[in-house]
Amino acid sequence: MNALIITIHVIACVTLVVLVLLQSGKEGMGVIFGGGGGSLFGATGAGGLLGKLTAGAATVFFLTSMVFTYISTQQHVAPKESIVIDMPVTQIPATQDAAPAAPAEQPAAPEQKQ
């Protein structure tokens, strides 16, 4: 089931990216970056068809995202009891030989004359 949802989701993602890139934008700042060229579908464009296909791909993307999120949360149900509470605590006694060494004093920096 997960493999099917992931496959549909990836196909919807690729389709959505391609459909968005096929659409011609309004001639604003996109002209600077090379977006002022001709359209693939002619001067009038295919706004109606591409718009509907993009909306359909976005709907499939949204639905597969929600279904996959629901399924993945149902598989990872939290346990009823914590295993940390049931574990015994073991303490290792500290030895006297392992005392930390005192930090050495650093010499003061000489004062600079101005």
C-alpha atoms as a PDB file:
ATOM      1  CA  MET A   1       0.000   0.000   0.000  1.00  0.00           C
ATOM      2  CA  ASN A   2       2.800   2.393   0.890  1.00  0.00           C
ATOM      3  CA  ALA A   3       4.645   1.638  -2.340  1.00  0.00           C
ATOM      4  CA  LEU A   4       1.545   2.449  -4.385  1.00  0.00           C
ATOM      5  CA  ILE A   5       0.983   5.754  -2.601  1.00  0.00           C
ATOM      6  CA  ILE A   6       4.632   6.737  -2.926  1.00  0.00           C
ATOM      7  CA  THR A   7       4.606   5.878  -6.644  1.00  0.00           C
ATOM      8  CA  ILE A   8       1.482   7.952  -7.289  1.00  0.00           C
ATOM      9  CA  HIS A   9       2.946  10.771  -5.184  1.00  0.00           C
ATOM     10  CA  VAL A  10       6.233  10.862  -7.127  1.00  0.00           C
ATOM     11  CA  ILE A  11       4.391  10.808 -10.465  1.00  0.00           C
ATOM     12  CA  ALA A  12       2.176  13.667  -9.267  1.00  0.00           C
ATOM     13  CA  CYS A  13       5.255  15.635  -8.163  1.00  0.00           C
ATOM     14  CA  VAL A  14       7.034  15.275 -11.504  1.00  0.00           C
ATOM     15  CA  THR A  15       3.835  16.037 -13.427  1.00  0.00           C
ATOM     16  CA  LEU A  16       3.187  19.119 -11.316  1.00  0.00           C
ATOM     17  CA  VAL A  17       6.702  20.451 -11.887  1.00  0.00           C
ATOM     18  CA  VAL A  18       6.478  19.897 -15.655  1.00  0.00           C
ATOM     19  CA  LEU A  19       3.034  21.504 -15.892  1.00  0.00           C
ATOM     20  CA  VAL A  20       4.104  24.563 -13.936  1.00  0.00           C
ATOM     21  CA  LEU A  21       7.194  24.989 -16.106  1.00  0.00           C
ATOM     22  CA  LEU A  22       5.124  24.702 -19.307  1.00  0.00           C
ATOM     23  CA  GLN A  23       2.888  27.604 -18.360  1.00  0.00           C
ATOM     24  CA  SER A  24       3.806  31.043 -19.639  1.00  0.00           C
ATOM     25  CA  GLY A  25       3.995  33.667 -16.959  1.00  0.00           C
ATOM     26  CA  LYS A  26       3.068  37.318 -17.014  1.00  0.00           C
ATOM     27  CA  GLU A  27       5.829  39.396 -18.556  1.00  0.00           C
ATOM     28  CA  GLY A  28       7.300  40.933 -15.445  1.00  0.00           C
ATOM     29  CA  MET A  29      10.658  40.150 -13.880  1.00  0.00           C
ATOM     30  CA  GLY A  30      10.661  36.808 -15.730  1.00  0.00           C
ATOM     31  CA  VAL A  31      11.755  38.556 -18.922  1.00  0.00           C
ATOM     32  CA  ILE A  32      15.110  39.316 -17.309  1.00  0.00           C
ATOM     33  CA  PHE A  33      15.740  35.626 -16.663  1.00  0.00           C
ATOM     34  CA  GLY A  34      14.813  34.469 -20.176  1.00  0.00           C
ATOM     35  CA  GLY A  35      11.066  34.097 -19.727  1.00  0.00           C
ATOM     36  CA  GLY A  36      10.178  36.458 -22.568  1.00  0.00           C
ATOM     37  CA  GLY A  37      10.364  33.869 -25.337  1.00  0.00           C
ATOM     38  CA  GLY A  38       7.470  32.388 -27.264  1.00  0.00           C
ATOM     39  CA  SER A  39       5.010  29.930 -25.852  1.00  0.00           C
ATOM     40  CA  LEU A  40       4.920  26.232 -26.682  1.00  0.00           C
ATOM     41  CA  PHE A  41       1.194  26.362 -27.447  1.00  0.00           C
ATOM     42  CA  GLY A  42       1.180  29.521 -29.615  1.00  0.00           C
ATOM     43  CA  ALA A  43       0.331  33.144 -28.938  1.00  0.00           C
ATOM     44  CA  THR A  44      -2.909  32.436 -27.080  1.00  0.00           C
ATOM     45  CA  GLY A  45      -1.337  29.673 -25.009  1.00  0.00           C
ATOM     46  CA  ALA A  46      -3.098  26.725 -23.440  1.00  0.00           C
ATOM     47  CA  GLY A  47      -4.098  28.429 -20.220  1.00  0.00           C
ATOM     48  CA  GLY A  48      -7.361  26.528 -19.844  1.00  0.00           C
ATOM     49  CA  LEU A  49      -5.914  23.078 -20.447  1.00  0.00           C
ATOM     50  CA  LEU A  50      -2.699  23.597 -18.487  1.00  0.00           C
ATOM     51  CA  GLY A  51      -4.585  25.243 -15.641  1.00  0.00           C
ATOM     52  CA  LYS A  52      -6.951  22.307 -15.305  1.00  0.00           C
ATOM     53  CA  LEU A  53      -4.142  19.739 -15.530  1.00  0.00           C
ATOM     54  CA  THR A  54      -2.114  21.654 -12.938  1.00  0.00           C
ATOM     55  CA  ALA A  55      -5.094  21.815 -10.583  1.00  0.00           C
ATOM     56  CA  GLY A  56      -5.647  18.074 -11.012  1.00  0.00           C
ATOM     57  CA  ALA A  57      -1.989  17.245 -10.362  1.00  0.00           C
ATOM     58  CA  ALA A  58      -1.988  19.529  -7.308  1.00  0.00           C
ATOM     59  CA  THR A  59      -5.111  17.779  -5.992  1.00  0.00           C
ATOM     60  CA  VAL A  60      -3.534  14.338  -6.437  1.00  0.00           C
ATOM     61  CA  PHE A  61      -0.345  15.604  -4.745  1.00  0.00           C
ATOM     62  CA  PHE A  62      -2.330  16.974  -1.802  1.00  0.00           C
ATOM     63  CA  LEU A  63      -4.419  13.818  -1.384  1.00  0.00           C
ATOM     64  CA  THR A  64      -1.446  11.457  -1.551  1.00  0.00           C
ATOM     65  CA  SER A  65       0.404  13.618   0.967  1.00  0.00           C
ATOM     66  CA  MET A  66      -2.498  13.469   3.404  1.00  0.00           C
ATOM     67  CA  VAL A  67      -3.066   9.703   2.952  1.00  0.00           C
ATOM     68  CA  PHE A  68       0.615   8.904   3.356  1.00  0.00           C
ATOM     69  CA  THR A  69       0.829  11.065   6.486  1.00  0.00           C
ATOM     70  CA  TYR A  70      -2.212   9.327   7.978  1.00  0.00           C
ATOM     71  CA  ILE A  71      -0.875   5.848   7.233  1.00  0.00           C
ATOM     72  CA  SER A  72       2.590   6.619   8.592  1.00  0.00           C
ATOM     73  CA  THR A  73       1.187   7.976  11.885  1.00  0.00           C
ATOM     74  CA  GLN A  74      -0.984   4.887  12.357  1.00  0.00           C
ATOM     75  CA  GLN A  75       1.992   2.532  12.024  1.00  0.00           C
ATOM     76  CA  HIS A  76       4.038   4.238  14.739  1.00  0.00           C
ATOM     77  CA  VAL A  77       1.731   4.003  17.735  1.00  0.00           C
ATOM     78  CA  ALA A  78       3.448   5.001  20.980  1.00  0.00           C
ATOM     79  CA  PRO A  79       3.913   2.204  23.533  1.00  0.00           C
ATOM     80  CA  LYS A  80       1.703   2.242  26.613  1.00  0.00           C
ATOM     81  CA  GLU A  81       4.577   2.073  29.077  1.00  0.00           C
ATOM     82  CA  SER A  82       7.970   3.631  29.105  1.00  0.00           C
ATOM     83  CA  ILE A  83      10.951   1.292  29.065  1.00  0.00           C
ATOM     84  CA  VAL A  84      13.130   3.891  30.766  1.00  0.00           C
ATOM     85  CA  ILE A  85      11.215   3.606  34.061  1.00  0.00           C
ATOM     86  CA  ASP A  86      11.621  -0.176  34.197  1.00  0.00           C
ATOM     87  CA  MET A  87      15.400  -0.187  33.647  1.00  0.00           C
ATOM     88  CA  PRO A  88      17.557  -0.596  36.762  1.00  0.00           C
ATOM     89  CA  VAL A  89      20.042   2.141  37.564  1.00  0.00           C
ATOM     90  CA  THR A  90      23.649   1.017  37.949  1.00  0.00           C
ATOM     91  CA  GLN A  91      26.153   3.364  39.468  1.00  0.00           C
ATOM     92  CA  ILE A  92      29.910   2.988  39.250  1.00  0.00           C
ATOM     93  CA  PRO A  93      31.677   4.142  42.431  1.00  0.00           C
ATOM     94  CA  ALA A  94      34.219   6.910  41.894  1.00  0.00           C
ATOM     95  CA  THR A  95      37.834   6.116  42.795  1.00  0.00           C
ATOM     96  CA  GLN A  96      40.043   8.400  44.834  1.00  0.00           C
ATOM     97  CA  ASP A  97      42.914   8.278  42.309  1.00  0.00           C
ATOM     98  CA  ALA A  98      40.958   9.895  39.542  1.00  0.00           C
ATOM     99  CA  ALA A  99      40.801  13.365  41.134  1.00  0.00           C
ATOM    100  CA  PRO A 100      40.863  16.169  38.540  1.00  0.00           C
ATOM    101  CA  ALA A 101      44.072  18.182  38.337  1.00  0.00           C
ATOM    102  CA  ALA A 102      43.991  21.831  39.386  1.00  0.00           C
ATOM    103  CA  PRO A 103      44.192  24.248  36.447  1.00  0.00           C
ATOM    104  CA  ALA A 104      47.560  25.935  36.046  1.00  0.00           C
ATOM    105  CA  GLU A 105      47.684  29.699  36.366  1.00  0.00           C
ATOM    106  CA  GLN A 106      48.450  31.600  33.200  1.00  0.00           C
ATOM    107  CA  PRO A 107      50.988  34.437  33.372  1.00  0.00           C
ATOM    108  CA  ALA A 108      49.572  37.909  33.076  1.00  0.00           C
ATOM    109  CA  ALA A 109      50.098  39.694  29.789  1.00  0.00           C
ATOM    110  CA  PRO A 110      52.526  42.644  29.926  1.00  0.00           C
ATOM    111  CA  GLU A 111      50.944  46.049  29.841  1.00  0.00           C
ATOM    112  CA  GLN A 112      51.373  48.045  26.661  1.00  0.00           C
ATOM    113  CA  LYS A 113      52.556  51.659  26.729  1.00  0.00           C
ATOM    114  CA  GLN A 114      50.742  54.193  24.643  1.00  0.00           C
END
